[in-house]
């Protein structure tokens, strides 16, 4: 287990991550557990996967039976001038 420093950054508490613990993205997830804090690298697709897991079977069945509208080709060239 590696120890690190806790410090104040303005009015927020922060921890200094040693080089071997650097994360790829600009954000992480924090979760308070019985044992302490868990820091998990944030996967940008996880929010989408989590939302999909919460969809009910009834909703998914209704979506699979819905009538799809035909594709419409539109000319948008003059709209954003």
N, C-alpha and C. Protein backbone atom coordinates (compact mmCIF):
# COMPACT_ATOMS: atom_id res chain seq x y z
N UNK A 1 0.85 -1.17 0.00
CA UNK A 1 0.00 0.00 0.00
C UNK A 1 0.90 1.23 0.00
N UNK A 2 0.51 2.25 -0.75
CA UNK A 2 1.29 3.48 -0.87
C UNK A 2 0.62 4.60 -0.09
N UNK A 3 1.41 5.37 0.64
CA UNK A 3 0.89 6.53 1.38
C UNK A 3 1.13 7.78 0.55
N UNK A 4 0.29 8.79 0.73
CA UNK A 4 0.43 10.05 0.00
C UNK A 4 -0.02 11.20 0.89
N UNK A 5 0.18 12.40 0.44
CA UNK A 5 -0.14 13.59 1.22
C UNK A 5 -1.56 14.08 0.93
N UNK A 6 -2.22 14.56 1.97
CA UNK A 6 -3.51 15.23 1.86
C UNK A 6 -3.22 16.71 2.10
N UNK A 7 -3.80 17.58 1.26
CA UNK A 7 -3.55 19.01 1.42
C UNK A 7 -4.80 19.80 1.05
N UNK A 8 -4.80 21.06 1.38
CA UNK A 8 -5.91 21.95 1.04
C UNK A 8 -5.58 22.67 -0.27
N UNK A 9 -6.56 22.72 -1.16
CA UNK A 9 -6.44 23.45 -2.42
C UNK A 9 -7.59 24.44 -2.43
N UNK A 10 -7.33 25.66 -2.01
CA UNK A 10 -8.41 26.62 -1.81
C UNK A 10 -9.23 26.16 -0.62
N UNK A 11 -10.54 25.94 -0.84
CA UNK A 11 -11.41 25.46 0.23
C UNK A 11 -11.72 23.97 0.09
N UNK A 12 -10.99 23.30 -0.83
CA UNK A 12 -11.21 21.87 -1.06
C UNK A 12 -10.03 21.06 -0.54
N UNK A 13 -10.32 19.85 -0.12
CA UNK A 13 -9.27 18.93 0.29
C UNK A 13 -8.85 18.13 -0.93
N UNK A 14 -7.56 17.89 -1.07
CA UNK A 14 -7.04 17.18 -2.23
C UNK A 14 -6.01 16.15 -1.78
N UNK A 15 -5.75 15.18 -2.65
CA UNK A 15 -4.68 14.21 -2.39
C UNK A 15 -3.70 14.27 -3.55
N UNK A 16 -2.45 14.09 -3.26
CA UNK A 16 -1.42 14.10 -4.29
C UNK A 16 -1.22 12.65 -4.74
N UNK A 17 -1.41 12.40 -6.04
CA UNK A 17 -1.24 11.05 -6.56
C UNK A 17 0.21 10.83 -6.99
N UNK A 18 0.86 9.80 -6.49
CA UNK A 18 2.21 9.48 -6.96
C UNK A 18 2.17 9.10 -8.45
N UNK A 19 3.31 9.22 -9.11
CA UNK A 19 3.41 9.01 -10.56
C UNK A 19 2.82 7.68 -11.00
N UNK A 20 3.05 6.62 -10.23
CA UNK A 20 2.57 5.29 -10.64
C UNK A 20 1.05 5.16 -10.56
N UNK A 21 0.36 6.14 -9.98
CA UNK A 21 -1.09 6.11 -9.87
C UNK A 21 -1.77 7.14 -10.78
N UNK A 22 -1.05 7.75 -11.69
CA UNK A 22 -1.65 8.78 -12.56
C UNK A 22 -2.81 8.19 -13.34
N UNK A 23 -3.83 9.04 -13.56
CA UNK A 23 -5.01 8.62 -14.32
C UNK A 23 -4.99 9.29 -15.69
N UNK A 24 -5.71 8.71 -16.64
CA UNK A 24 -5.70 9.21 -18.02
C UNK A 24 -6.57 10.44 -18.21
N UNK A 25 -7.77 10.42 -17.67
CA UNK A 25 -8.72 11.50 -17.94
C UNK A 25 -8.68 12.61 -16.91
N UNK A 26 -9.51 13.65 -17.12
CA UNK A 26 -9.54 14.79 -16.21
C UNK A 26 -10.41 14.57 -14.97
N UNK A 27 -11.16 13.47 -14.92
CA UNK A 27 -12.07 13.23 -13.80
C UNK A 27 -11.98 11.78 -13.34
N UNK A 28 -12.33 11.56 -12.08
CA UNK A 28 -12.43 10.22 -11.51
C UNK A 28 -13.72 10.12 -10.72
N UNK A 29 -14.16 8.89 -10.45
CA UNK A 29 -15.29 8.66 -9.56
C UNK A 29 -14.75 8.42 -8.16
N UNK A 30 -15.45 8.94 -7.16
CA UNK A 30 -15.11 8.69 -5.76
C UNK A 30 -16.26 7.96 -5.12
N UNK A 31 -15.93 6.95 -4.32
CA UNK A 31 -16.97 6.22 -3.59
C UNK A 31 -16.48 5.99 -2.17
N UNK A 32 -17.33 6.33 -1.22
CA UNK A 32 -16.99 6.11 0.18
C UNK A 32 -17.39 4.68 0.52
N UNK A 33 -16.44 3.90 1.04
CA UNK A 33 -16.71 2.52 1.44
C UNK A 33 -16.44 2.39 2.93
N UNK A 34 -16.76 1.23 3.47
CA UNK A 34 -16.49 0.98 4.88
C UNK A 34 -14.99 1.08 5.17
N UNK A 35 -14.19 0.67 4.21
CA UNK A 35 -12.74 0.66 4.40
C UNK A 35 -12.10 2.02 4.17
N UNK A 36 -12.77 2.93 3.48
CA UNK A 36 -12.20 4.25 3.18
C UNK A 36 -12.75 4.81 1.88
N UNK A 37 -11.90 5.44 1.09
CA UNK A 37 -12.30 6.02 -0.19
C UNK A 37 -11.79 5.16 -1.33
N UNK A 38 -12.63 5.00 -2.35
CA UNK A 38 -12.25 4.27 -3.55
C UNK A 38 -12.22 5.28 -4.69
N UNK A 39 -11.11 5.35 -5.41
CA UNK A 39 -10.96 6.25 -6.55
C UNK A 39 -10.95 5.38 -7.80
N UNK A 40 -11.88 5.65 -8.73
CA UNK A 40 -12.00 4.85 -9.95
C UNK A 40 -11.91 5.78 -11.15
N UNK A 41 -11.06 5.41 -12.12
CA UNK A 41 -10.96 6.22 -13.33
C UNK A 41 -12.31 6.28 -14.02
N UNK A 42 -12.67 7.44 -14.50
CA UNK A 42 -13.97 7.64 -15.12
C UNK A 42 -13.93 7.20 -16.57
N UNK A 43 -14.87 6.32 -16.91
CA UNK A 43 -15.05 5.88 -18.29
C UNK A 43 -16.22 6.68 -18.85
N UNK A 44 -16.00 7.49 -19.90
CA UNK A 44 -17.08 8.33 -20.40
C UNK A 44 -18.31 7.55 -20.86
N UNK A 45 -18.15 6.29 -21.23
CA UNK A 45 -19.29 5.49 -21.68
C UNK A 45 -20.03 4.84 -20.52
N UNK A 46 -19.46 4.84 -19.33
CA UNK A 46 -20.08 4.16 -18.19
C UNK A 46 -21.44 4.77 -17.84
N UNK A 47 -21.57 6.08 -17.95
CA UNK A 47 -22.85 6.73 -17.65
C UNK A 47 -23.94 6.20 -18.59
N UNK A 48 -23.59 6.03 -19.86
CA UNK A 48 -24.55 5.50 -20.84
C UNK A 48 -24.90 4.04 -20.52
N UNK A 49 -23.88 3.23 -20.22
CA UNK A 49 -24.15 1.82 -19.89
C UNK A 49 -25.00 1.70 -18.63
N UNK A 50 -24.73 2.54 -17.65
CA UNK A 50 -25.49 2.52 -16.40
C UNK A 50 -26.96 2.88 -16.66
N UNK A 51 -27.18 3.90 -17.50
CA UNK A 51 -28.55 4.30 -17.83
C UNK A 51 -29.28 3.18 -18.57
N UNK A 52 -28.60 2.50 -19.48
CA UNK A 52 -29.22 1.41 -20.23
C UNK A 52 -29.59 0.23 -19.33
N UNK A 53 -28.78 -0.04 -18.31
CA UNK A 53 -29.08 -1.13 -17.38
C UNK A 53 -30.36 -0.87 -16.60
N UNK A 54 -30.71 0.41 -16.43
CA UNK A 54 -31.89 0.75 -15.65
C UNK A 54 -33.18 0.74 -16.48
N UNK A 55 -33.08 0.53 -17.79
CA UNK A 55 -34.28 0.48 -18.62
C UNK A 55 -35.03 -0.82 -18.35
N UNK A 56 -36.34 -0.72 -18.23
CA UNK A 56 -37.14 -1.91 -17.94
C UNK A 56 -37.31 -2.77 -19.19
N UNK A 57 -37.59 -4.04 -18.98
CA UNK A 57 -37.86 -4.94 -20.10
C UNK A 57 -39.08 -4.48 -20.87
N UNK A 58 -40.06 -3.93 -20.17
CA UNK A 58 -41.28 -3.44 -20.81
C UNK A 58 -40.94 -2.29 -21.76
N UNK A 59 -40.08 -1.38 -21.34
CA UNK A 59 -39.68 -0.26 -22.20
C UNK A 59 -38.93 -0.77 -23.43
N UNK A 60 -37.98 -1.69 -23.22
CA UNK A 60 -37.21 -2.22 -24.34
C UNK A 60 -38.10 -2.95 -25.34
N UNK A 61 -39.08 -3.68 -24.85
CA UNK A 61 -40.02 -4.38 -25.74
C UNK A 61 -40.85 -3.38 -26.53
N UNK A 62 -41.33 -2.34 -25.87
CA UNK A 62 -42.12 -1.31 -26.56
C UNK A 62 -41.29 -0.61 -27.63
N UNK A 63 -40.03 -0.34 -27.34
CA UNK A 63 -39.16 0.33 -28.31
C UNK A 63 -38.90 -0.56 -29.53
N UNK A 64 -38.79 -1.86 -29.32
CA UNK A 64 -38.53 -2.75 -30.44
C UNK A 64 -39.75 -2.89 -31.36
N UNK A 65 -40.94 -2.61 -30.84
CA UNK A 65 -42.17 -2.74 -31.63
C UNK A 65 -42.63 -1.42 -32.25
N UNK A 66 -41.94 -0.34 -31.96
CA UNK A 66 -42.41 0.96 -32.43
C UNK A 66 -42.28 1.07 -33.95
N UNK A 67 -43.14 1.90 -34.52
CA UNK A 67 -43.11 2.13 -35.96
C UNK A 67 -42.03 3.16 -36.26
N UNK A 68 -41.15 2.82 -37.15
CA UNK A 68 -40.06 3.74 -37.51
C UNK A 68 -40.50 4.64 -38.66
N UNK A 69 -40.15 5.90 -38.56
CA UNK A 69 -40.46 6.84 -39.63
C UNK A 69 -39.46 6.67 -40.76
N UNK A 70 -39.90 6.91 -42.01
CA UNK A 70 -38.96 6.79 -43.13
C UNK A 70 -37.89 7.89 -43.04
N UNK A 71 -36.71 7.57 -43.53
CA UNK A 71 -35.61 8.54 -43.54
C UNK A 71 -35.95 9.68 -44.48
N UNK A 72 -35.69 10.91 -44.05
CA UNK A 72 -35.95 12.08 -44.89
C UNK A 72 -34.62 12.74 -45.23
N UNK A 73 -34.38 12.92 -46.51
CA UNK A 73 -33.17 13.61 -46.93
C UNK A 73 -33.50 15.10 -46.97
N UNK A 74 -32.68 15.91 -46.30
CA UNK A 74 -32.92 17.35 -46.24
C UNK A 74 -31.67 18.10 -46.69
N UNK A 75 -31.92 19.27 -47.27
CA UNK A 75 -30.83 20.14 -47.70
C UNK A 75 -30.66 21.23 -46.64
N UNK A 76 -29.59 21.13 -45.84
CA UNK A 76 -29.34 22.07 -44.74
C UNK A 76 -28.33 23.16 -45.13
N UNK A 77 -27.89 23.17 -46.37
CA UNK A 77 -26.82 24.10 -46.74
C UNK A 77 -27.18 25.56 -46.53
N UNK A 78 -28.42 25.96 -46.76
CA UNK A 78 -28.79 27.37 -46.64
C UNK A 78 -29.24 27.77 -45.25
N UNK A 79 -29.34 26.84 -44.33
CA UNK A 79 -29.90 27.12 -43.01
C UNK A 79 -28.92 27.89 -42.12
N UNK A 80 -27.66 27.51 -42.12
CA UNK A 80 -26.69 28.10 -41.19
C UNK A 80 -25.70 29.01 -41.91
N UNK A 81 -26.18 30.15 -42.36
CA UNK A 81 -25.29 31.09 -43.05
C UNK A 81 -24.93 32.23 -42.16
